[in-house]
PDB file of N, CA and C in Angstrom:
ATOM      1  N   MET A   1     -21.042   5.453 -19.999  1.00  0.00           N
ATOM      2  CA  MET A   1     -19.742   4.866 -20.265  1.00  0.00           C
ATOM      3  C   MET A   1     -19.757   3.364 -19.991  1.00  0.00           C
ATOM      4  N   ILE A   2     -20.375   2.978 -18.888  1.00  0.00           N
ATOM      5  CA  ILE A   2     -20.413   1.554 -18.536  1.00  0.00           C
ATOM      6  C   ILE A   2     -21.219   0.778 -19.580  1.00  0.00           C
ATOM      7  N   ALA A   3     -22.258   1.396 -20.107  1.00  0.00           N
ATOM      8  CA  ALA A   3     -23.064   0.717 -21.133  1.00  0.00           C
ATOM      9  C   ALA A   3     -22.215   0.403 -22.362  1.00  0.00           C
ATOM     10  N   VAL A   4     -21.299   1.286 -22.691  1.00  0.00           N
ATOM     11  CA  VAL A   4     -20.422   1.056 -23.846  1.00  0.00           C
ATOM     12  C   VAL A   4     -19.515  -0.143 -23.571  1.00  0.00           C
ATOM     13  N   LEU A   5     -19.015  -0.259 -22.350  1.00  0.00           N
ATOM     14  CA  LEU A   5     -18.130  -1.376 -22.005  1.00  0.00           C
ATOM     15  C   LEU A   5     -18.843  -2.720 -22.132  1.00  0.00           C
ATOM     16  N   HIS A   6     -20.120  -2.745 -21.869  1.00  0.00           N
ATOM     17  CA  HIS A   6     -20.865  -4.004 -21.984  1.00  0.00           C
ATOM     18  C   HIS A   6     -20.971  -4.480 -23.432  1.00  0.00           C
ATOM     19  N   TRP A   7     -20.862  -3.553 -24.366  1.00  0.00           N
ATOM     20  CA  TRP A   7     -20.989  -3.925 -25.770  1.00  0.00           C
ATOM     21  C   TRP A   7     -19.658  -4.304 -26.417  1.00  0.00           C
ATOM     22  N   LEU A   8     -18.546  -4.053 -25.713  1.00  0.00           N
ATOM     23  CA  LEU A   8     -17.238  -4.394 -26.281  1.00  0.00           C
ATOM     24  C   LEU A   8     -17.030  -5.902 -26.278  1.00  0.00           C
ATOM     25  N   PRO A   9     -16.316  -6.407 -27.254  1.00  0.00           N
ATOM     26  CA  PRO A   9     -16.031  -7.853 -27.264  1.00  0.00           C
ATOM     27  C   PRO A   9     -15.127  -8.243 -26.095  1.00  0.00           C
ATOM     28  N   ARG A  10     -15.275  -9.477 -25.655  1.00  0.00           N
ATOM     29  CA  ARG A  10     -14.525  -9.947 -24.486  1.00  0.00           C
ATOM     30  C   ARG A  10     -13.018  -9.893 -24.711  1.00  0.00           C
ATOM     31  N   TRP A  11     -12.579 -10.196 -25.930  1.00  0.00           N
ATOM     32  CA  TRP A  11     -11.135 -10.178 -26.180  1.00  0.00           C
ATOM     33  C   TRP A  11     -10.570  -8.778 -26.004  1.00  0.00           C
ATOM     34  N   LEU A  12     -11.359  -7.764 -26.367  1.00  0.00           N
ATOM     35  CA  LEU A  12     -10.915  -6.391 -26.206  1.00  0.00           C
ATOM     36  C   LEU A  12     -10.900  -6.004 -24.722  1.00  0.00           C
ATOM     37  N   LEU A  13     -11.906  -6.450 -23.970  1.00  0.00           N
ATOM     38  CA  LEU A  13     -11.932  -6.176 -22.531  1.00  0.00           C
ATOM     39  C   LEU A  13     -10.731  -6.806 -21.832  1.00  0.00           C
ATOM     40  N   ARG A  14     -10.393  -8.048 -22.228  1.00  0.00           N
ATOM     41  CA  ARG A  14      -9.229  -8.709 -21.632  1.00  0.00           C
ATOM     42  C   ARG A  14      -7.946  -7.961 -21.965  1.00  0.00           C
ATOM     43  N   ALA A  15      -7.837  -7.481 -23.210  1.00  0.00           N
ATOM     44  CA  ALA A  15      -6.645  -6.720 -23.609  1.00  0.00           C
ATOM     45  C   ALA A  15      -6.543  -5.416 -22.812  1.00  0.00           C
ATOM     46  N   LEU A  16      -7.663  -4.747 -22.616  1.00  0.00           N
ATOM     47  CA  LEU A  16      -7.661  -3.514 -21.820  1.00  0.00           C
ATOM     48  C   LEU A  16      -7.300  -3.791 -20.364  1.00  0.00           C
ATOM     49  N   ASP A  17      -7.794  -4.909 -19.823  1.00  0.00           N
ATOM     50  CA  ASP A  17      -7.451  -5.275 -18.447  1.00  0.00           C
ATOM     51  C   ASP A  17      -5.955  -5.552 -18.304  1.00  0.00           C
ATOM     52  N   ARG A  18      -5.379  -6.251 -19.280  1.00  0.00           N
ATOM     53  CA  ARG A  18      -3.939  -6.527 -19.226  1.00  0.00           C
ATOM     54  C   ARG A  18      -3.136  -5.228 -19.299  1.00  0.00           C
ATOM     55  N   TRP A  19      -3.545  -4.331 -20.186  1.00  0.00           N
ATOM     56  CA  TRP A  19      -2.862  -3.045 -20.305  1.00  0.00           C
ATOM     57  C   TRP A  19      -2.958  -2.263 -18.999  1.00  0.00           C
ATOM     58  N   SER A  20      -4.141  -2.214 -18.417  1.00  0.00           N
ATOM     59  CA  SER A  20      -4.341  -1.487 -17.173  1.00  0.00           C
ATOM     60  C   SER A  20      -3.487  -2.077 -16.050  1.00  0.00           C
ATOM     61  N   HIS A  21      -3.388  -3.389 -16.021  1.00  0.00           N
ATOM     62  CA  HIS A  21      -2.583  -4.059 -15.001  1.00  0.00           C
ATOM     63  C   HIS A  21      -1.102  -3.696 -15.159  1.00  0.00           C
ATOM     64  N   ARG A  22      -0.618  -3.697 -16.385  1.00  0.00           N
ATOM     65  CA  ARG A  22       0.783  -3.336 -16.631  1.00  0.00           C
ATOM     66  C   ARG A  22       1.062  -1.890 -16.230  1.00  0.00           C
ATOM     67  N   VAL A  23       0.144  -0.993 -16.530  1.00  0.00           N
ATOM     68  CA  VAL A  23       0.309   0.416 -16.162  1.00  0.00           C
ATOM     69  C   VAL A  23       0.340   0.551 -14.638  1.00  0.00           C
ATOM     70  N   ALA A  24      -0.542  -0.153 -13.948  1.00  0.00           N
ATOM     71  CA  ALA A  24      -0.582  -0.075 -12.486  1.00  0.00           C
ATOM     72  C   ALA A  24       0.714  -0.623 -11.883  1.00  0.00           C
ATOM     73  N   GLN A  25       1.230  -1.717 -12.428  1.00  0.00           N
ATOM     74  CA  GLN A  25       2.490  -2.262 -11.921  1.00  0.00           C
ATOM     75  C   GLN A  25       3.638  -1.289 -12.155  1.00  0.00           C
ATOM     76  N   ARG A  26       3.689  -0.698 -13.343  1.00  0.00           N
ATOM     77  CA  ARG A  26       4.765   0.246 -13.652  1.00  0.00           C
ATOM     78  C   ARG A  26       4.714   1.448 -12.729  1.00  0.00           C
ATOM     79  N   ARG A  27       3.524   1.967 -12.483  1.00  0.00           N
ATOM     80  CA  ARG A  27       3.398   3.124 -11.589  1.00  0.00           C
ATOM     81  C   ARG A  27       3.757   2.758 -10.157  1.00  0.00           C
ATOM     82  N   GLY A  28       3.383   1.562  -9.731  1.00  0.00           N
ATOM     83  CA  GLY A  28       3.744   1.111  -8.387  1.00  0.00           C
ATOM     84  C   GLY A  28       5.241   0.986  -8.217  1.00  0.00           C
ATOM     85  N   LEU A  29       5.912   0.421  -9.220  1.00  0.00           N
ATOM     86  CA  LEU A  29       7.375   0.311  -9.155  1.00  0.00           C
ATOM     87  C   LEU A  29       8.031   1.685  -9.152  1.00  0.00           C
ATOM     88  N   GLU A  30       7.475   2.606  -9.907  1.00  0.00           N
ATOM     89  CA  GLU A  30       8.019   3.970  -9.925  1.00  0.00           C
ATOM     90  C   GLU A  30       7.858   4.645  -8.568  1.00  0.00           C
ATOM     91  N   ARG A  31       6.691   4.471  -7.940  1.00  0.00           N
ATOM     92  CA  ARG A  31       6.489   5.029  -6.595  1.00  0.00           C
ATOM     93  C   ARG A  31       7.481   4.432  -5.610  1.00  0.00           C
ATOM     94  N   GLN A  32       7.675   3.109  -5.695  1.00  0.00           N
ATOM     95  CA  GLN A  32       8.608   2.439  -4.795  1.00  0.00           C
ATOM     96  C   GLN A  32      10.038   2.942  -5.037  1.00  0.00           C
ATOM     97  N   ARG A  33      10.424   3.109  -6.306  1.00  0.00           N
ATOM     98  CA  ARG A  33      11.761   3.598  -6.623  1.00  0.00           C
ATOM     99  C   ARG A  33      11.985   5.004  -6.076  1.00  0.00           C
ATOM    100  N   ARG A  34      10.981   5.890  -6.236  1.00  0.00           N
ATOM    101  CA  ARG A  34      11.107   7.248  -5.697  1.00  0.00           C
ATOM    102  C   ARG A  34      11.196   7.240  -4.183  1.00  0.00           C
ATOM    103  N   TRP A  35      10.423   6.358  -3.542  1.00  0.00           N
ATOM    104  CA  TRP A  35      10.431   6.270  -2.081  1.00  0.00           C
ATOM    105  C   TRP A  35      11.791   5.806  -1.586  1.00  0.00           C
ATOM    106  N   LEU A  36      12.382   4.802  -2.264  1.00  0.00           N
ATOM    107  CA  LEU A  36      13.696   4.313  -1.866  1.00  0.00           C
ATOM    108  C   LEU A  36      14.775   5.354  -2.148  1.00  0.00           C
ATOM    109  N   ALA A  37      14.649   6.083  -3.246  1.00  0.00           N
ATOM    110  CA  ALA A  37      15.632   7.106  -3.577  1.00  0.00           C
ATOM    111  C   ALA A  37      15.586   8.257  -2.582  1.00  0.00           C
ATOM    112  N   ARG A  38      14.425   8.499  -2.020  1.00  0.00           N
ATOM    113  CA  ARG A  38      14.285   9.573  -1.044  1.00  0.00           C
ATOM    114  C   ARG A  38      15.049   9.254   0.225  1.00  0.00           C
ATOM    115  N   GLY A  39      15.388   7.991   0.414  1.00  0.00           N
ATOM    116  CA  GLY A  39      16.144   7.609   1.599  1.00  0.00           C
ATOM    117  C   GLY A  39      15.224   7.439   2.791  1.00  0.00           C
ATOM    118  N   ALA A  40      14.484   6.391   2.763  1.00  0.00           N
ATOM    119  CA  ALA A  40      13.535   6.150   3.848  1.00  0.00           C
ATOM    120  C   ALA A  40      14.285   6.082   5.167  1.00  0.00           C
ATOM    121  N   LYS A  41      13.901   6.952   6.069  1.00  0.00           N
ATOM    122  CA  LYS A  41      14.533   6.991   7.374  1.00  0.00           C
ATOM    123  C   LYS A  41      13.817   6.015   8.303  1.00  0.00           C
ATOM    124  N   PRO A  42      14.564   5.375   9.196  1.00  0.00           N
ATOM    125  CA  PRO A  42      13.889   4.461  10.121  1.00  0.00           C
ATOM    126  C   PRO A  42      12.931   5.227  11.033  1.00  0.00           C
ATOM    127  N   VAL A  43      11.893   4.564  11.394  1.00  0.00           N
ATOM    128  CA  VAL A  43      10.890   5.179  12.253  1.00  0.00           C
ATOM    129  C   VAL A  43      11.484   5.336  13.650  1.00  0.00           C
ATOM    130  N   ALA A  44      11.388   6.536  14.178  1.00  0.00           N
ATOM    131  CA  ALA A  44      11.937   6.796  15.510  1.00  0.00           C
ATOM    132  C   ALA A  44      11.123   6.041  16.557  1.00  0.00           C
ATOM    133  N   ALA A  45      11.840   5.465  17.504  1.00  0.00           N
ATOM    134  CA  ALA A  45      11.164   4.739  18.580  1.00  0.00           C
ATOM    135  C   ALA A  45      10.492   5.742  19.502  1.00  0.00           C
ATOM    136  N   GLY A  46       9.324   5.412  19.950  1.00  0.00           N
ATOM    137  CA  GLY A  46       8.582   6.280  20.859  1.00  0.00           C
ATOM    138  C   GLY A  46       9.144   6.165  22.263  1.00  0.00           C
ATOM    139  N   PRO A  47       8.530   6.839  23.193  1.00  0.00           N
ATOM    140  CA  PRO A  47       9.007   6.745  24.572  1.00  0.00           C
ATOM    141  C   PRO A  47       8.906   5.309  25.084  1.00  0.00           C
ATOM    142  N   ALA A  48       9.771   4.994  26.036  1.00  0.00           N
ATOM    143  CA  ALA A  48       9.776   3.647  26.597  1.00  0.00           C
ATOM    144  C   ALA A  48       8.430   3.376  27.264  1.00  0.00           C
ATOM    145  N   PRO A  49       7.941   2.148  27.169  1.00  0.00           N
ATOM    146  CA  PRO A  49       6.652   1.856  27.810  1.00  0.00           C
ATOM    147  C   PRO A  49       6.754   2.009  29.325  1.00  0.00           C
ATOM    148  N   ALA A  50       5.649   2.405  29.898  1.00  0.00           N
ATOM    149  CA  ALA A  50       5.612   2.600  31.355  1.00  0.00           C
ATOM    150  C   ALA A  50       5.796   1.252  32.052  1.00  0.00           C
ATOM    151  N   VAL A  51       6.588   1.275  33.125  1.00  0.00           N
ATOM    152  CA  VAL A  51       6.815   0.059  33.903  1.00  0.00           C
ATOM    153  C   VAL A  51       6.029   0.200  35.204  1.00  0.00           C
ATOM    154  N   TYR A  52       5.172  -0.748  35.456  1.00  0.00           N
ATOM    155  CA  TYR A  52       4.345  -0.699  36.653  1.00  0.00           C
ATOM    156  C   TYR A  52       4.905  -1.657  37.698  1.00  0.00           C
ATOM    157  N   HIS A  53       5.025  -1.158  38.925  1.00  0.00           N
ATOM    158  CA  HIS A  53       5.489  -1.987  40.032  1.00  0.00           C
ATOM    159  C   HIS A  53       4.309  -2.162  40.980  1.00  0.00           C
ATOM    160  N   LEU A  54       3.902  -3.393  41.140  1.00  0.00           N
ATOM    161  CA  LEU A  54       2.791  -3.655  42.040  1.00  0.00           C
ATOM    162  C   LEU A  54       3.250  -3.529  43.480  1.00  0.00           C
ATOM    163  N   LYS A  55       2.421  -2.868  44.294  1.00  0.00           N
ATOM    164  CA  LYS A  55       2.729  -2.713  45.702  1.00  0.00           C
ATOM    165  C   LYS A  55       1.939  -3.775  46.465  1.00  0.00           C
ATOM    166  N   PRO A  56       2.522  -4.269  47.539  1.00  0.00           N
ATOM    167  CA  PRO A  56       1.775  -5.283  48.318  1.00  0.00           C
ATOM    168  C   PRO A  56       0.540  -4.674  48.948  1.00  0.00           C
ATOM    169  N   TRP A  57      -0.474  -5.532  49.149  1.00  0.00           N
ATOM    170  CA  TRP A  57      -1.701  -5.064  49.775  1.00  0.00           C
ATOM    171  C   TRP A  57      -1.423  -4.719  51.230  1.00  0.00           C
ATOM    172  N   ARG A  58      -2.068  -3.691  51.684  1.00  0.00           N
ATOM    173  CA  ARG A  58      -1.903  -3.269  53.078  1.00  0.00           C
ATOM    174  C   ARG A  58      -3.204  -3.501  53.823  1.00  0.00           C
ATOM    175  N   ASP A  59      -3.067  -3.894  55.085  1.00  0.00           N
ATOM    176  CA  ASP A  59      -4.261  -4.136  55.910  1.00  0.00           C
ATOM    177  C   ASP A  59      -4.677  -2.912  56.646  1.00  0.00           C
TER     178      ASP A  59
END
């Protein structure tokens, strides 16, 4: 398959690249639209970080 691509004219390769780019953008926008429509919930905060209290050195 790759050997066939090497024989294609450059103008055709550029046209295929532009088409592929447009398809990828359209699919990305569709994924984003579905994700937003799903109602992205905010990420729940994890437990509070541990608080360390240093104790004075003892002799």
